[in-house]
Amino acid sequence: MKQGIHPNYRDVAFQDLSNGFTFVTRSCLQTKDTIKLDDGRELPLMKLETTSETHPFYTGTQKSVDSLGGRVEKFRNKFRVGVKK
């Protein structure tokens, strides 16, 4: 491989800002922030608004459109979409 053309691929910590959940994975991401982990390593830190720990799809708190009172049916009734006169 050619030297000097590849990005710096290394361990990076990602932290969920809503609950503090932190996980480590490998990435080429460039960050200015760092974090010191419990095991003593100091890694680059990427702060995230949501992760699988807080996203409704992964936590099981997501609501289905069908269970929200039939919005599609309300729209069709209100504007008579698909109703022949």
PDB file of N, CA and C in Angstrom:
ATOM      1  N   MET A   1       0.835  -1.180   0.000  1.00  0.00           N
ATOM      2  CA  MET A   1       0.000   0.000   0.000  1.00  0.00           C
ATOM      3  C   MET A   1       0.882   1.246   0.000  1.00  0.00           C
ATOM      4  N   LYS A   2       0.376   2.299  -0.636  1.00  0.00           N
ATOM      5  CA  LYS A   2       1.098   3.559  -0.650  1.00  0.00           C
ATOM      6  C   LYS A   2       1.025   4.216   0.727  1.00  0.00           C
ATOM      7  N   GLN A   3       2.109   4.787   1.150  1.00  0.00           N
ATOM      8  CA  GLN A   3       2.172   5.467   2.433  1.00  0.00           C
ATOM      9  C   GLN A   3       1.611   6.883   2.311  1.00  0.00           C
ATOM     10  N   GLY A   4       0.899   7.331   3.363  1.00  0.00           N
ATOM     11  CA  GLY A   4       0.447   8.707   3.438  1.00  0.00           C
ATOM     12  C   GLY A   4      -0.851   9.035   2.724  1.00  0.00           C
ATOM     13  N   ILE A   5      -1.524   8.072   2.107  1.00  0.00           N
ATOM     14  CA  ILE A   5      -2.765   8.387   1.401  1.00  0.00           C
ATOM     15  C   ILE A   5      -3.999   7.851   2.116  1.00  0.00           C
ATOM     16  N   HIS A   6      -3.825   7.028   3.127  1.00  0.00           N
ATOM     17  CA  HIS A   6      -4.958   6.426   3.813  1.00  0.00           C
ATOM     18  C   HIS A   6      -5.307   7.209   5.078  1.00  0.00           C
ATOM     19  N   PRO A   7      -6.607   7.323   5.392  1.00  0.00           N
ATOM     20  CA  PRO A   7      -6.999   8.039   6.610  1.00  0.00           C
ATOM     21  C   PRO A   7      -6.589   7.254   7.861  1.00  0.00           C
ATOM     22  N   ASN A   8      -6.541   7.947   8.982  1.00  0.00           N
ATOM     23  CA  ASN A   8      -6.164   7.349  10.251  1.00  0.00           C
ATOM     24  C   ASN A   8      -7.343   6.538  10.796  1.00  0.00           C
ATOM     25  N   TYR A   9      -7.308   5.224  10.631  1.00  0.00           N
ATOM     26  CA  TYR A   9      -8.379   4.321  11.061  1.00  0.00           C
ATOM     27  C   TYR A   9      -8.042   3.828  12.461  1.00  0.00           C
ATOM     28  N   ARG A  10      -8.863   4.222  13.436  1.00  0.00           N
ATOM     29  CA  ARG A  10      -8.539   3.934  14.831  1.00  0.00           C
ATOM     30  C   ARG A  10      -9.806   3.800  15.656  1.00  0.00           C
ATOM     31  N   ASP A  11      -9.655   3.435  16.935  1.00  0.00           N
ATOM     32  CA  ASP A  11     -10.786   3.364  17.852  1.00  0.00           C
ATOM     33  C   ASP A  11     -11.300   4.768  18.141  1.00  0.00           C
ATOM     34  N   VAL A  12     -12.631   4.927  18.120  1.00  0.00           N
ATOM     35  CA  VAL A  12     -13.280   6.198  18.425  1.00  0.00           C
ATOM     36  C   VAL A  12     -14.447   5.906  19.364  1.00  0.00           C
ATOM     37  N   ALA A  13     -14.634   6.731  20.388  1.00  0.00           N
ATOM     38  CA  ALA A  13     -15.756   6.586  21.316  1.00  0.00           C
ATOM     39  C   ALA A  13     -16.916   7.453  20.831  1.00  0.00           C
ATOM     40  N   PHE A  14     -18.113   6.889  20.850  1.00  0.00           N
ATOM     41  CA  PHE A  14     -19.338   7.606  20.507  1.00  0.00           C
ATOM     42  C   PHE A  14     -20.178   7.682  21.770  1.00  0.00           C
ATOM     43  N   GLN A  15     -20.694   8.879  22.095  1.00  0.00           N
ATOM     44  CA  GLN A  15     -21.444   9.055  23.333  1.00  0.00           C
ATOM     45  C   GLN A  15     -22.802   9.672  23.042  1.00  0.00           C
ATOM     46  N   ASP A  16     -23.854   9.047  23.598  1.00  0.00           N
ATOM     47  CA  ASP A  16     -25.219   9.543  23.495  1.00  0.00           C
ATOM     48  C   ASP A  16     -25.385  10.676  24.510  1.00  0.00           C
ATOM     49  N   LEU A  17     -25.746  11.866  24.042  1.00  0.00           N
ATOM     50  CA  LEU A  17     -25.855  13.019  24.931  1.00  0.00           C
ATOM     51  C   LEU A  17     -27.068  12.947  25.853  1.00  0.00           C
ATOM     52  N   SER A  18     -28.098  12.186  25.486  1.00  0.00           N
ATOM     53  CA  SER A  18     -29.307  12.157  26.306  1.00  0.00           C
ATOM     54  C   SER A  18     -29.179  11.274  27.538  1.00  0.00           C
ATOM     55  N   ASN A  19     -28.331  10.235  27.482  1.00  0.00           N
ATOM     56  CA  ASN A  19     -28.215   9.365  28.660  1.00  0.00           C
ATOM     57  C   ASN A  19     -26.771   8.997  29.017  1.00  0.00           C
ATOM     58  N   GLY A  20     -25.799   9.456  28.248  1.00  0.00           N
ATOM     59  CA  GLY A  20     -24.400   9.197  28.569  1.00  0.00           C
ATOM     60  C   GLY A  20     -23.871   7.855  28.113  1.00  0.00           C
ATOM     61  N   PHE A  21     -24.682   7.055  27.413  1.00  0.00           N
ATOM     62  CA  PHE A  21     -24.259   5.754  26.904  1.00  0.00           C
ATOM     63  C   PHE A  21     -23.087   5.946  25.945  1.00  0.00           C
ATOM     64  N   THR A  22     -22.005   5.208  26.169  1.00  0.00           N
ATOM     65  CA  THR A  22     -20.798   5.330  25.350  1.00  0.00           C
ATOM     66  C   THR A  22     -20.416   3.975  24.782  1.00  0.00           C
ATOM     67  N   PHE A  23     -20.071   3.949  23.504  1.00  0.00           N
ATOM     68  CA  PHE A  23     -19.563   2.720  22.895  1.00  0.00           C
ATOM     69  C   PHE A  23     -18.358   3.060  22.027  1.00  0.00           C
ATOM     70  N   VAL A  24     -17.516   2.066  21.816  1.00  0.00           N
ATOM     71  CA  VAL A  24     -16.281   2.251  21.057  1.00  0.00           C
ATOM     72  C   VAL A  24     -16.336   1.403  19.800  1.00  0.00           C
ATOM     73  N   THR A  25     -15.970   2.007  18.692  1.00  0.00           N
ATOM     74  CA  THR A  25     -15.858   1.284  17.428  1.00  0.00           C
ATOM     75  C   THR A  25     -14.718   1.924  16.645  1.00  0.00           C
ATOM     76  N   ARG A  26     -14.350   1.314  15.548  1.00  0.00           N
ATOM     77  CA  ARG A  26     -13.251   1.846  14.746  1.00  0.00           C
ATOM     78  C   ARG A  26     -13.816   2.775  13.677  1.00  0.00           C
ATOM     79  N   SER A  27     -13.114   3.889  13.445  1.00  0.00           N
ATOM     80  CA  SER A  27     -13.594   4.887  12.502  1.00  0.00           C
ATOM     81  C   SER A  27     -12.432   5.758  12.027  1.00  0.00           C
ATOM     82  N   CYS A  28     -12.652   6.462  10.917  1.00  0.00           N
ATOM     83  CA  CYS A  28     -11.698   7.447  10.392  1.00  0.00           C
ATOM     84  C   CYS A  28     -12.105   8.853  10.805  1.00  0.00           C
ATOM     85  N   LEU A  29     -13.127   8.965  11.620  1.00  0.00           N
ATOM     86  CA  LEU A  29     -13.677  10.241  12.029  1.00  0.00           C
ATOM     87  C   LEU A  29     -12.637  11.119  12.716  1.00  0.00           C
ATOM     88  N   GLN A  30     -12.599  12.402  12.335  1.00  0.00           N
ATOM     89  CA  GLN A  30     -11.701  13.365  12.960  1.00  0.00           C
ATOM     90  C   GLN A  30     -12.499  14.197  13.956  1.00  0.00           C
ATOM     91  N   THR A  31     -12.077  14.219  15.226  1.00  0.00           N
ATOM     92  CA  THR A  31     -12.764  14.994  16.251  1.00  0.00           C
ATOM     93  C   THR A  31     -11.767  15.822  17.050  1.00  0.00           C
ATOM     94  N   LYS A  32     -12.272  16.855  17.704  1.00  0.00           N
ATOM     95  CA  LYS A  32     -11.446  17.687  18.574  1.00  0.00           C
ATOM     96  C   LYS A  32     -11.563  17.240  20.024  1.00  0.00           C
ATOM     97  N   ASP A  33     -12.693  16.599  20.383  1.00  0.00           N
ATOM     98  CA  ASP A  33     -12.938  16.168  21.755  1.00  0.00           C
ATOM     99  C   ASP A  33     -12.309  14.804  22.017  1.00  0.00           C
ATOM    100  N   THR A  34     -11.941  14.575  23.271  1.00  0.00           N
ATOM    101  CA  THR A  34     -11.441  13.265  23.694  1.00  0.00           C
ATOM    102  C   THR A  34     -12.152  12.872  24.979  1.00  0.00           C
ATOM    103  N   ILE A  35     -12.102  11.584  25.293  1.00  0.00           N
ATOM    104  CA  ILE A  35     -12.702  11.058  26.512  1.00  0.00           C
ATOM    105  C   ILE A  35     -11.758  10.012  27.096  1.00  0.00           C
ATOM    106  N   LYS A  36     -11.684   9.986  28.420  1.00  0.00           N
ATOM    107  CA  LYS A  36     -10.883   8.966  29.092  1.00  0.00           C
ATOM    108  C   LYS A  36     -11.838   7.886  29.577  1.00  0.00           C
ATOM    109  N   LEU A  37     -11.650   6.667  29.103  1.00  0.00           N
ATOM    110  CA  LEU A  37     -12.529   5.557  29.450  1.00  0.00           C
ATOM    111  C   LEU A  37     -12.113   4.917  30.776  1.00  0.00           C
ATOM    112  N   ASP A  38     -12.974   4.050  31.299  1.00  0.00           N
ATOM    113  CA  ASP A  38     -12.720   3.362  32.564  1.00  0.00           C
ATOM    114  C   ASP A  38     -11.463   2.499  32.516  1.00  0.00           C
ATOM    115  N   ASP A  39     -11.136   1.981  31.336  1.00  0.00           N
ATOM    116  CA  ASP A  39      -9.958   1.113  31.218  1.00  0.00           C
ATOM    117  C   ASP A  39      -8.655   1.904  31.054  1.00  0.00           C
ATOM    118  N   GLY A  40      -8.748   3.242  31.114  1.00  0.00           N
ATOM    119  CA  GLY A  40      -7.548   4.075  31.060  1.00  0.00           C
ATOM    120  C   GLY A  40      -7.208   4.631  29.692  1.00  0.00           C
ATOM    121  N   ARG A  41      -7.867   4.149  28.644  1.00  0.00           N
ATOM    122  CA  ARG A  41      -7.582   4.650  27.300  1.00  0.00           C
ATOM    123  C   ARG A  41      -8.185   6.035  27.098  1.00  0.00           C
ATOM    124  N   GLU A  42      -7.488   6.889  26.384  1.00  0.00           N
ATOM    125  CA  GLU A  42      -8.028   8.182  25.993  1.00  0.00           C
ATOM    126  C   GLU A  42      -8.276   8.132  24.491  1.00  0.00           C
ATOM    127  N   LEU A  43      -9.542   8.289  24.114  1.00  0.00           N
ATOM    128  CA  LEU A  43      -9.951   8.139  22.714  1.00  0.00           C
ATOM    129  C   LEU A  43     -10.619   9.405  22.208  1.00  0.00           C
ATOM    130  N   PRO A  44     -10.598   9.604  20.871  1.00  0.00           N
ATOM    131  CA  PRO A  44     -11.381  10.687  20.281  1.00  0.00           C
ATOM    132  C   PRO A  44     -12.856  10.454  20.586  1.00  0.00           C
ATOM    133  N   LEU A  45     -13.621  11.532  20.793  1.00  0.00           N
ATOM    134  CA  LEU A  45     -15.027  11.430  21.178  1.00  0.00           C
ATOM    135  C   LEU A  45     -15.920  12.094  20.150  1.00  0.00           C
ATOM    136  N   MET A  46     -16.958  11.363  19.725  1.00  0.00           N
ATOM    137  CA  MET A  46     -18.008  11.914  18.862  1.00  0.00           C
ATOM    138  C   MET A  46     -19.293  11.917  19.667  1.00  0.00           C
ATOM    139  N   LYS A  47     -19.902  13.097  19.833  1.00  0.00           N
ATOM    140  CA  LYS A  47     -21.140  13.226  20.597  1.00  0.00           C
ATOM    141  C   LYS A  47     -22.322  13.083  19.651  1.00  0.00           C
ATOM    142  N   LEU A  48     -23.295  12.260  20.061  1.00  0.00           N
ATOM    143  CA  LEU A  48     -24.466  11.974  19.243  1.00  0.00           C
ATOM    144  C   LEU A  48     -25.738  12.397  19.961  1.00  0.00           C
ATOM    145  N   GLU A  49     -26.742  12.810  19.206  1.00  0.00           N
ATOM    146  CA  GLU A  49     -28.038  13.165  19.785  1.00  0.00           C
ATOM    147  C   GLU A  49     -28.821  11.918  20.188  1.00  0.00           C
ATOM    148  N   THR A  50     -28.728  10.867  19.396  1.00  0.00           N
ATOM    149  CA  THR A  50     -29.472   9.640  19.697  1.00  0.00           C
ATOM    150  C   THR A  50     -28.684   8.433  19.214  1.00  0.00           C
ATOM    151  N   THR A  51     -28.842   7.327  19.912  1.00  0.00           N
ATOM    152  CA  THR A  51     -28.223   6.060  19.527  1.00  0.00           C
ATOM    153  C   THR A  51     -29.283   4.971  19.645  1.00  0.00           C
ATOM    154  N   SER A  52     -28.889   3.742  19.466  1.00  0.00           N
ATOM    155  CA  SER A  52     -29.838   2.640  19.604  1.00  0.00           C
ATOM    156  C   SER A  52     -30.350   2.508  21.034  1.00  0.00           C
ATOM    157  N   GLU A  53     -29.679   3.113  22.003  1.00  0.00           N
ATOM    158  CA  GLU A  53     -30.125   3.079  23.398  1.00  0.00           C
ATOM    159  C   GLU A  53     -31.305   4.013  23.653  1.00  0.00           C
ATOM    160  N   THR A  54     -31.473   5.046  22.825  1.00  0.00           N
ATOM    161  CA  THR A  54     -32.531   6.027  23.070  1.00  0.00           C
ATOM    162  C   THR A  54     -33.500   6.196  21.908  1.00  0.00           C
ATOM    163  N   HIS A  55     -33.210   5.656  20.738  1.00  0.00           N
ATOM    164  CA  HIS A  55     -34.099   5.827  19.590  1.00  0.00           C
ATOM    165  C   HIS A  55     -35.361   4.985  19.780  1.00  0.00           C
ATOM    166  N   PRO A  56     -36.546   5.567  19.548  1.00  0.00           N
ATOM    167  CA  PRO A  56     -37.798   4.840  19.778  1.00  0.00           C
ATOM    168  C   PRO A  56     -37.921   3.537  18.993  1.00  0.00           C
ATOM    169  N   PHE A  57     -37.346   3.461  17.805  1.00  0.00           N
ATOM    170  CA  PHE A  57     -37.438   2.229  17.016  1.00  0.00           C
ATOM    171  C   PHE A  57     -36.758   1.071  17.741  1.00  0.00           C
ATOM    172  N   TYR A  58     -35.610   1.324  18.335  1.00  0.00           N
ATOM    173  CA  TYR A  58     -34.846   0.268  18.997  1.00  0.00           C
ATOM    174  C   TYR A  58     -35.297  -0.004  20.419  1.00  0.00           C
ATOM    175  N   THR A  59     -35.889   0.999  21.077  1.00  0.00           N
ATOM    176  CA  THR A  59     -36.321   0.809  22.462  1.00  0.00           C
ATOM    177  C   THR A  59     -37.714   0.215  22.556  1.00  0.00           C
ATOM    178  N   GLY A  60     -38.443   0.155  21.436  1.00  0.00           N
ATOM    179  CA  GLY A  60     -39.781  -0.429  21.439  1.00  0.00           C
ATOM    180  C   GLY A  60     -40.864   0.562  21.808  1.00  0.00           C
ATOM    181  N   THR A  61     -40.568   1.845  21.864  1.00  0.00           N
ATOM    182  CA  THR A  61     -41.575   2.845  22.213  1.00  0.00           C
ATOM    183  C   THR A  61     -42.133   3.557  20.983  1.00  0.00           C
ATOM    184  N   GLN A  62     -41.789   3.064  19.806  1.00  0.00           N
ATOM    185  CA  GLN A  62     -42.279   3.679  18.572  1.00  0.00           C
ATOM    186  C   GLN A  62     -43.761   3.363  18.414  1.00  0.00           C
ATOM    187  N   LYS A  63     -44.523   4.344  17.951  1.00  0.00           N
ATOM    188  CA  LYS A  63     -45.952   4.160  17.739  1.00  0.00           C
ATOM    189  C   LYS A  63     -46.220   3.953  16.263  1.00  0.00           C
ATOM    190  N   SER A  64     -47.126   3.067  15.974  1.00  0.00           N
ATOM    191  CA  SER A  64     -47.513   2.798  14.599  1.00  0.00           C
ATOM    192  C   SER A  64     -48.540   3.829  14.148  1.00  0.00           C
ATOM    193  N   VAL A  65     -48.522   4.192  12.878  1.00  0.00           N
ATOM    194  CA  VAL A  65     -49.473   5.158  12.340  1.00  0.00           C
ATOM    195  C   VAL A  65     -50.888   4.605  12.439  1.00  0.00           C
ATOM    196  N   ASP A  66     -51.057   3.298  12.270  1.00  0.00           N
ATOM    197  CA  ASP A  66     -52.383   2.696  12.332  1.00  0.00           C
ATOM    198  C   ASP A  66     -52.995   2.800  13.723  1.00  0.00           C
ATOM    199  N   SER A  67     -52.158   2.815  14.756  1.00  0.00           N
ATOM    200  CA  SER A  67     -52.679   2.865  16.121  1.00  0.00           C
ATOM    201  C   SER A  67     -52.919   4.292  16.610  1.00  0.00           C
ATOM    202  N   LEU A  68     -52.703   5.276  15.770  1.00  0.00           N
ATOM    203  CA  LEU A  68     -52.874   6.661  16.180  1.00  0.00           C
ATOM    204  C   LEU A  68     -54.239   7.222  15.789  1.00  0.00           C
ATOM    205  N   GLY A  69     -55.212   6.393  15.598  1.00  0.00           N
ATOM    206  CA  GLY A  69     -56.559   6.873  15.331  1.00  0.00           C
ATOM    207  C   GLY A  69     -56.929   6.939  13.871  1.00  0.00           C
ATOM    208  N   GLY A  70     -56.240   6.239  13.011  1.00  0.00           N
ATOM    209  CA  GLY A  70     -56.603   6.174  11.600  1.00  0.00           C
ATOM    210  C   GLY A  70     -56.508   7.504  10.878  1.00  0.00           C
ATOM    211  N   ARG A  71     -55.344   8.112  10.890  1.00  0.00           N
ATOM    212  CA  ARG A  71     -55.165   9.420  10.257  1.00  0.00           C
ATOM    213  C   ARG A  71     -55.468   9.382   8.767  1.00  0.00           C
ATOM    214  N   VAL A  72     -55.116   8.289   8.116  1.00  0.00           N
ATOM    215  CA  VAL A  72     -55.361   8.178   6.675  1.00  0.00           C
ATOM    216  C   VAL A  72     -56.861   8.174   6.402  1.00  0.00           C
ATOM    217  N   GLU A  73     -57.611   7.431   7.190  1.00  0.00           N
ATOM    218  CA  GLU A  73     -59.071   7.390   7.008  1.00  0.00           C
ATOM    219  C   GLU A  73     -59.695   8.750   7.293  1.00  0.00           C
ATOM    220  N   LYS A  74     -59.210   9.453   8.303  1.00  0.00           N
ATOM    221  CA  LYS A  74     -59.734  10.789   8.605  1.00  0.00           C
ATOM    222  C   LYS A  74     -59.493  11.726   7.432  1.00  0.00           C
ATOM    223  N   PHE A  75     -58.299  11.637   6.818  1.00  0.00           N
ATOM    224  CA  PHE A  75     -57.983  12.470   5.663  1.00  0.00           C
ATOM    225  C   PHE A  75     -58.902  12.134   4.498  1.00  0.00           C
ATOM    226  N   ARG A  76     -59.065  10.853   4.232  1.00  0.00           N
ATOM    227  CA  ARG A  76     -59.928  10.446   3.103  1.00  0.00           C
ATOM    228  C   ARG A  76     -61.356  10.911   3.312  1.00  0.00           C
ATOM    229  N   ASN A  77     -61.874  10.785   4.532  1.00  0.00           N
ATOM    230  CA  ASN A  77     -63.233  11.218   4.807  1.00  0.00           C
ATOM    231  C   ASN A  77     -63.378  12.735   4.699  1.00  0.00           C
ATOM    232  N   LYS A  78     -62.389  13.468   5.155  1.00  0.00           N
ATOM    233  CA  LYS A  78     -62.446  14.906   5.163  1.00  0.00           C
ATOM    234  C   LYS A  78     -62.407  15.472   3.738  1.00  0.00           C
ATOM    235  N   PHE A  79     -61.557  14.922   2.899  1.00  0.00           N
ATOM    236  CA  PHE A  79     -61.386  15.457   1.554  1.00  0.00           C
ATOM    237  C   PHE A  79     -61.988  14.558   0.477  1.00  0.00           C
ATOM    238  N   ARG A  80     -62.671  13.496   0.901  1.00  0.00           N
ATOM    239  CA  ARG A  80     -63.366  12.573  -0.006  1.00  0.00           C
ATOM    240  C   ARG A  80     -62.429  12.044  -1.084  1.00  0.00           C
ATOM    241  N   VAL A  81     -61.220  11.650  -0.664  1.00  0.00           N
ATOM    242  CA  VAL A  81     -60.246  11.093  -1.593  1.00  0.00           C
ATOM    243  C   VAL A  81     -60.644   9.661  -1.921  1.00  0.00           C
ATOM    244  N   GLY A  82     -60.761   9.359  -3.182  1.00  0.00           N
ATOM    245  CA  GLY A  82     -61.088   8.016  -3.609  1.00  0.00           C
ATOM    246  C   GLY A  82     -62.580   7.704  -3.516  1.00  0.00           C
ATOM    247  N   VAL A  83     -63.416   8.669  -3.217  1.00  0.00           N
ATOM    248  CA  VAL A  83     -64.860   8.445  -3.113  1.00  0.00           C
ATOM    249  C   VAL A  83     -65.513   8.940  -4.399  1.00  0.00           C
ATOM    250  N   LYS A  84     -66.259   8.050  -5.050  1.00  0.00           N
ATOM    251  CA  LYS A  84     -66.931   8.422  -6.283  1.00  0.00           C
ATOM    252  C   LYS A  84     -68.270   9.080  -5.946  1.00  0.00           C
ATOM    253  N   LYS A  85     -68.575  10.152  -6.675  1.00  0.00           N
ATOM    254  CA  LYS A  85     -69.831  10.890  -6.422  1.00  0.00           C
ATOM    255  C   LYS A  85     -70.926  10.402  -7.313  1.00  0.00           C
TER     256      LYS A  85
END
